[in-house]
PDB file of N, CA and C in Angstrom:
ATOM      1  N   MET A   1     -37.159 -11.487 -13.688  1.00  0.00           N
ATOM      2  CA  MET A   1     -35.947 -10.807 -14.078  1.00  0.00           C
ATOM      3  C   MET A   1     -35.688  -9.666 -13.088  1.00  0.00           C
ATOM      4  N   ARG A   2     -34.433  -9.526 -12.647  1.00  0.00           N
ATOM      5  CA  ARG A   2     -34.084  -8.482 -11.694  1.00  0.00           C
ATOM      6  C   ARG A   2     -33.697  -7.207 -12.431  1.00  0.00           C
ATOM      7  N   PHE A   3     -34.028  -6.103 -11.817  1.00  0.00           N
ATOM      8  CA  PHE A   3     -33.643  -4.803 -12.344  1.00  0.00           C
ATOM      9  C   PHE A   3     -32.676  -4.147 -11.371  1.00  0.00           C
ATOM     10  N   THR A   4     -31.691  -3.464 -11.903  1.00  0.00           N
ATOM     11  CA  THR A   4     -30.735  -2.734 -11.080  1.00  0.00           C
ATOM     12  C   THR A   4     -30.904  -1.256 -11.352  1.00  0.00           C
ATOM     13  N   ASN A   5     -31.110  -0.519 -10.287  1.00  0.00           N
ATOM     14  CA  ASN A   5     -31.236   0.932 -10.417  1.00  0.00           C
ATOM     15  C   ASN A   5     -29.904   1.574 -10.077  1.00  0.00           C
ATOM     16  N   TYR A   6     -29.427   2.420 -10.936  1.00  0.00           N
ATOM     17  CA  TYR A   6     -28.184   3.135 -10.725  1.00  0.00           C
ATOM     18  C   TYR A   6     -28.504   4.593 -10.436  1.00  0.00           C
ATOM     19  N   SER A   7     -27.641   5.209  -9.656  1.00  0.00           N
ATOM     20  CA  SER A   7     -27.810   6.636  -9.392  1.00  0.00           C
ATOM     21  C   SER A   7     -26.472   7.330  -9.587  1.00  0.00           C
ATOM     22  N   LYS A   8     -26.529   8.617  -9.673  1.00  0.00           N
ATOM     23  CA  LYS A   8     -25.321   9.414  -9.863  1.00  0.00           C
ATOM     24  C   LYS A   8     -24.477   9.361  -8.591  1.00  0.00           C
ATOM     25  N   TYR A   9     -23.159   9.226  -8.753  1.00  0.00           N
ATOM     26  CA  TYR A   9     -22.238   9.191  -7.618  1.00  0.00           C
ATOM     27  C   TYR A   9     -22.184  10.575  -6.977  1.00  0.00           C
ATOM     28  N   THR A  10     -22.411  10.625  -5.684  1.00  0.00           N
ATOM     29  CA  THR A  10     -22.406  11.914  -4.993  1.00  0.00           C
ATOM     30  C   THR A  10     -21.137  12.130  -4.185  1.00  0.00           C
ATOM     31  N   GLY A  11     -20.449  11.078  -3.802  1.00  0.00           N
ATOM     32  CA  GLY A  11     -19.189  11.219  -3.085  1.00  0.00           C
ATOM     33  C   GLY A  11     -19.335  11.470  -1.598  1.00  0.00           C
ATOM     34  N   HIS A  12     -20.526  11.417  -1.059  1.00  0.00           N
ATOM     35  CA  HIS A  12     -20.699  11.707   0.357  1.00  0.00           C
ATOM     36  C   HIS A  12     -20.034  10.658   1.251  1.00  0.00           C
ATOM     37  N   LEU A  13     -19.890   9.434   0.792  1.00  0.00           N
ATOM     38  CA  LEU A  13     -19.195   8.425   1.586  1.00  0.00           C
ATOM     39  C   LEU A  13     -17.687   8.670   1.593  1.00  0.00           C
ATOM     40  N   ALA A  14     -17.160   9.160   0.506  1.00  0.00           N
ATOM     41  CA  ALA A  14     -15.726   9.452   0.441  1.00  0.00           C
ATOM     42  C   ALA A  14     -15.362  10.617   1.354  1.00  0.00           C
ATOM     43  N   ASP A  15     -16.279  11.530   1.570  1.00  0.00           N
ATOM     44  CA  ASP A  15     -16.020  12.658   2.464  1.00  0.00           C
ATOM     45  C   ASP A  15     -15.919  12.210   3.912  1.00  0.00           C
ATOM     46  N   ALA A  16     -16.534  11.092   4.243  1.00  0.00           N
ATOM     47  CA  ALA A  16     -16.519  10.603   5.616  1.00  0.00           C
ATOM     48  C   ALA A  16     -15.190   9.932   5.973  1.00  0.00           C
ATOM     49  N   LEU A  17     -14.363   9.614   4.989  1.00  0.00           N
ATOM     50  CA  LEU A  17     -13.071   8.972   5.250  1.00  0.00           C
ATOM     51  C   LEU A  17     -12.068   9.985   5.778  1.00  0.00           C
ATOM     52  N   ASN A  18     -11.329   9.576   6.780  1.00  0.00           N
ATOM     53  CA  ASN A  18     -10.232  10.383   7.281  1.00  0.00           C
ATOM     54  C   ASN A  18      -8.949   9.742   6.756  1.00  0.00           C
ATOM     55  N   LEU A  19      -8.428  10.274   5.666  1.00  0.00           N
ATOM     56  CA  LEU A  19      -7.277   9.652   5.008  1.00  0.00           C
ATOM     57  C   LEU A  19      -6.033   9.677   5.878  1.00  0.00           C
ATOM     58  N   GLN A  20      -5.839  10.725   6.668  1.00  0.00           N
ATOM     59  CA  GLN A  20      -4.657  10.795   7.525  1.00  0.00           C
ATOM     60  C   GLN A  20      -4.682   9.694   8.571  1.00  0.00           C
ATOM     61  N   SER A  21      -5.836   9.446   9.164  1.00  0.00           N
ATOM     62  CA  SER A  21      -5.967   8.375  10.144  1.00  0.00           C
ATOM     63  C   SER A  21      -5.734   7.016   9.490  1.00  0.00           C
ATOM     64  N   LEU A  22      -6.262   6.838   8.292  1.00  0.00           N
ATOM     65  CA  LEU A  22      -6.074   5.582   7.570  1.00  0.00           C
ATOM     66  C   LEU A  22      -4.602   5.335   7.268  1.00  0.00           C
ATOM     67  N   LEU A  23      -3.885   6.363   6.820  1.00  0.00           N
ATOM     68  CA  LEU A  23      -2.456   6.220   6.530  1.00  0.00           C
ATOM     69  C   LEU A  23      -1.651   5.973   7.798  1.00  0.00           C
ATOM     70  N   ASP A  24      -2.034   6.631   8.907  1.00  0.00           N
ATOM     71  CA  ASP A  24      -1.335   6.399  10.170  1.00  0.00           C
ATOM     72  C   ASP A  24      -1.493   4.957  10.635  1.00  0.00           C
ATOM     73  N   GLN A  25      -2.698   4.436  10.533  1.00  0.00           N
ATOM     74  CA  GLN A  25      -2.929   3.053  10.939  1.00  0.00           C
ATOM     75  C   GLN A  25      -2.199   2.076  10.031  1.00  0.00           C
ATOM     76  N   LEU A  26      -2.164   2.367   8.740  1.00  0.00           N
ATOM     77  CA  LEU A  26      -1.456   1.498   7.799  1.00  0.00           C
ATOM     78  C   LEU A  26       0.043   1.510   8.068  1.00  0.00           C
ATOM     79  N   SER A  27       0.606   2.682   8.328  1.00  0.00           N
ATOM     80  CA  SER A  27       2.044   2.748   8.597  1.00  0.00           C
ATOM     81  C   SER A  27       2.386   2.036   9.902  1.00  0.00           C
ATOM     82  N   ASP A  28       1.543   2.172  10.922  1.00  0.00           N
ATOM     83  CA  ASP A  28       1.778   1.456  12.174  1.00  0.00           C
ATOM     84  C   ASP A  28       1.737  -0.053  11.952  1.00  0.00           C
ATOM     85  N   PHE A  29       0.772  -0.508  11.178  1.00  0.00           N
ATOM     86  CA  PHE A  29       0.654  -1.935  10.889  1.00  0.00           C
ATOM     87  C   PHE A  29       1.891  -2.448  10.166  1.00  0.00           C
ATOM     88  N   LEU A  30       2.326  -1.724   9.128  1.00  0.00           N
ATOM     89  CA  LEU A  30       3.481  -2.182   8.356  1.00  0.00           C
ATOM     90  C   LEU A  30       4.754  -2.145   9.185  1.00  0.00           C
ATOM     91  N   LEU A  31       4.915  -1.138  10.022  1.00  0.00           N
ATOM     92  CA  LEU A  31       6.106  -1.074  10.866  1.00  0.00           C
ATOM     93  C   LEU A  31       6.126  -2.218  11.877  1.00  0.00           C
ATOM     94  N   GLN A  32       4.982  -2.579  12.413  1.00  0.00           N
ATOM     95  CA  GLN A  32       4.932  -3.707  13.343  1.00  0.00           C
ATOM     96  C   GLN A  32       5.249  -5.015  12.640  1.00  0.00           C
ATOM     97  N   ARG A  33       4.799  -5.180  11.410  1.00  0.00           N
ATOM     98  CA  ARG A  33       5.054  -6.406  10.660  1.00  0.00           C
ATOM     99  C   ARG A  33       6.536  -6.540  10.297  1.00  0.00           C
ATOM    100  N   LEU A  34       7.223  -5.420  10.063  1.00  0.00           N
ATOM    101  CA  LEU A  34       8.614  -5.466   9.621  1.00  0.00           C
ATOM    102  C   LEU A  34       9.613  -5.383  10.774  1.00  0.00           C
ATOM    103  N   ARG A  35       9.151  -5.119  11.973  1.00  0.00           N
ATOM    104  CA  ARG A  35      10.055  -4.949  13.102  1.00  0.00           C
ATOM    105  C   ARG A  35      10.817  -6.246  13.356  1.00  0.00           C
ATOM    106  N   GLY A  36      12.141  -6.162  13.383  1.00  0.00           N
ATOM    107  CA  GLY A  36      12.971  -7.314  13.667  1.00  0.00           C
ATOM    108  C   GLY A  36      13.265  -8.196  12.475  1.00  0.00           C
ATOM    109  N   ARG A  37      12.753  -7.856  11.318  1.00  0.00           N
ATOM    110  CA  ARG A  37      13.010  -8.669  10.127  1.00  0.00           C
ATOM    111  C   ARG A  37      14.021  -7.972   9.235  1.00  0.00           C
ATOM    112  N   ALA A  38      14.889  -8.744   8.649  1.00  0.00           N
ATOM    113  CA  ALA A  38      15.830  -8.195   7.682  1.00  0.00           C
ATOM    114  C   ALA A  38      15.116  -8.059   6.344  1.00  0.00           C
ATOM    115  N   LEU A  39      15.237  -6.904   5.743  1.00  0.00           N
ATOM    116  CA  LEU A  39      14.607  -6.693   4.450  1.00  0.00           C
ATOM    117  C   LEU A  39      15.443  -7.336   3.350  1.00  0.00           C
ATOM    118  N   PRO A  40      14.809  -7.908   2.348  1.00  0.00           N
ATOM    119  CA  PRO A  40      15.560  -8.499   1.243  1.00  0.00           C
ATOM    120  C   PRO A  40      16.255  -7.409   0.427  1.00  0.00           C
ATOM    121  N   ALA A  41      17.358  -7.783  -0.184  1.00  0.00           N
ATOM    122  CA  ALA A  41      18.083  -6.840  -1.030  1.00  0.00           C
ATOM    123  C   ALA A  41      17.261  -6.555  -2.285  1.00  0.00           C
ATOM    124  N   PRO A  42      17.314  -5.327  -2.792  1.00  0.00           N
ATOM    125  CA  PRO A  42      16.588  -5.024  -4.025  1.00  0.00           C
ATOM    126  C   PRO A  42      17.171  -5.796  -5.203  1.00  0.00           C
ATOM    127  N   TYR A  43      16.377  -5.952  -6.233  1.00  0.00           N
ATOM    128  CA  TYR A  43      16.790  -6.773  -7.368  1.00  0.00           C
ATOM    129  C   TYR A  43      18.057  -6.244  -8.039  1.00  0.00           C
ATOM    130  N   TRP A  44      18.279  -4.940  -7.991  1.00  0.00           N
ATOM    131  CA  TRP A  44      19.451  -4.381  -8.666  1.00  0.00           C
ATOM    132  C   TRP A  44      20.729  -4.558  -7.836  1.00  0.00           C
ATOM    133  N   ALA A  45      20.624  -5.034  -6.626  1.00  0.00           N
ATOM    134  CA  ALA A  45      21.797  -5.221  -5.774  1.00  0.00           C
ATOM    135  C   ALA A  45      22.156  -6.698  -5.628  1.00  0.00           C
ATOM    136  N   SER A  46      21.755  -7.515  -6.579  1.00  0.00           N
ATOM    137  CA  SER A  46      22.000  -8.946  -6.451  1.00  0.00           C
ATOM    138  C   SER A  46      23.462  -9.313  -6.682  1.00  0.00           C
ATOM    139  N   GLY A  47      24.205  -8.511  -7.468  1.00  0.00           N
ATOM    140  CA  GLY A  47      25.619  -8.784  -7.704  1.00  0.00           C
ATOM    141  C   GLY A  47      25.865  -9.848  -8.740  1.00  0.00           C
ATOM    142  N   ASP A  48      24.827 -10.287  -9.445  1.00  0.00           N
ATOM    143  CA  ASP A  48      24.982 -11.334 -10.449  1.00  0.00           C
ATOM    144  C   ASP A  48      25.394 -10.791 -11.817  1.00  0.00           C
ATOM    145  N   GLU A  49      25.369  -9.491 -11.975  1.00  0.00           N
ATOM    146  CA  GLU A  49      25.629  -8.895 -13.287  1.00  0.00           C
ATOM    147  C   GLU A  49      27.113  -8.561 -13.449  1.00  0.00           C
ATOM    148  N   GLU A  50      27.554  -8.484 -14.701  1.00  0.00           N
ATOM    149  CA  GLU A  50      28.913  -8.031 -14.966  1.00  0.00           C
ATOM    150  C   GLU A  50      28.989  -6.537 -14.702  1.00  0.00           C
ATOM    151  N   GLY A  51      30.154  -6.074 -14.337  1.00  0.00           N
ATOM    152  CA  GLY A  51      30.341  -4.654 -14.076  1.00  0.00           C
ATOM    153  C   GLY A  51      29.771  -4.244 -12.725  1.00  0.00           C
ATOM    154  N   ASP A  52      29.716  -5.175 -11.805  1.00  0.00           N
ATOM    155  CA  ASP A  52      29.204  -4.874 -10.481  1.00  0.00           C
ATOM    156  C   ASP A  52      30.194  -3.976  -9.775  1.00  0.00           C
ATOM    157  N   PHE A  53      29.730  -2.822  -9.338  1.00  0.00           N
ATOM    158  CA  PHE A  53      30.615  -1.843  -8.720  1.00  0.00           C
ATOM    159  C   PHE A  53      30.604  -1.945  -7.204  1.00  0.00           C
ATOM    160  N   ALA A  54      29.797  -2.811  -6.638  1.00  0.00           N
ATOM    161  CA  ALA A  54      29.694  -2.903  -5.170  1.00  0.00           C
ATOM    162  C   ALA A  54      30.858  -3.646  -4.574  1.00  0.00           C
TER     163      ALA A  54
END
């Protein structure tokens, strides 16, 4: 039978993360993926409802 030892979370690994760098890389990735593509219209702008003011 296997035993699992648990310890108290210290958070030292979370301190090593640079959140600003992570967000910068994520935004660069998303901007590259969306470059040149037309974004779909939001669900509320479909024009299928009565009283459409657009």
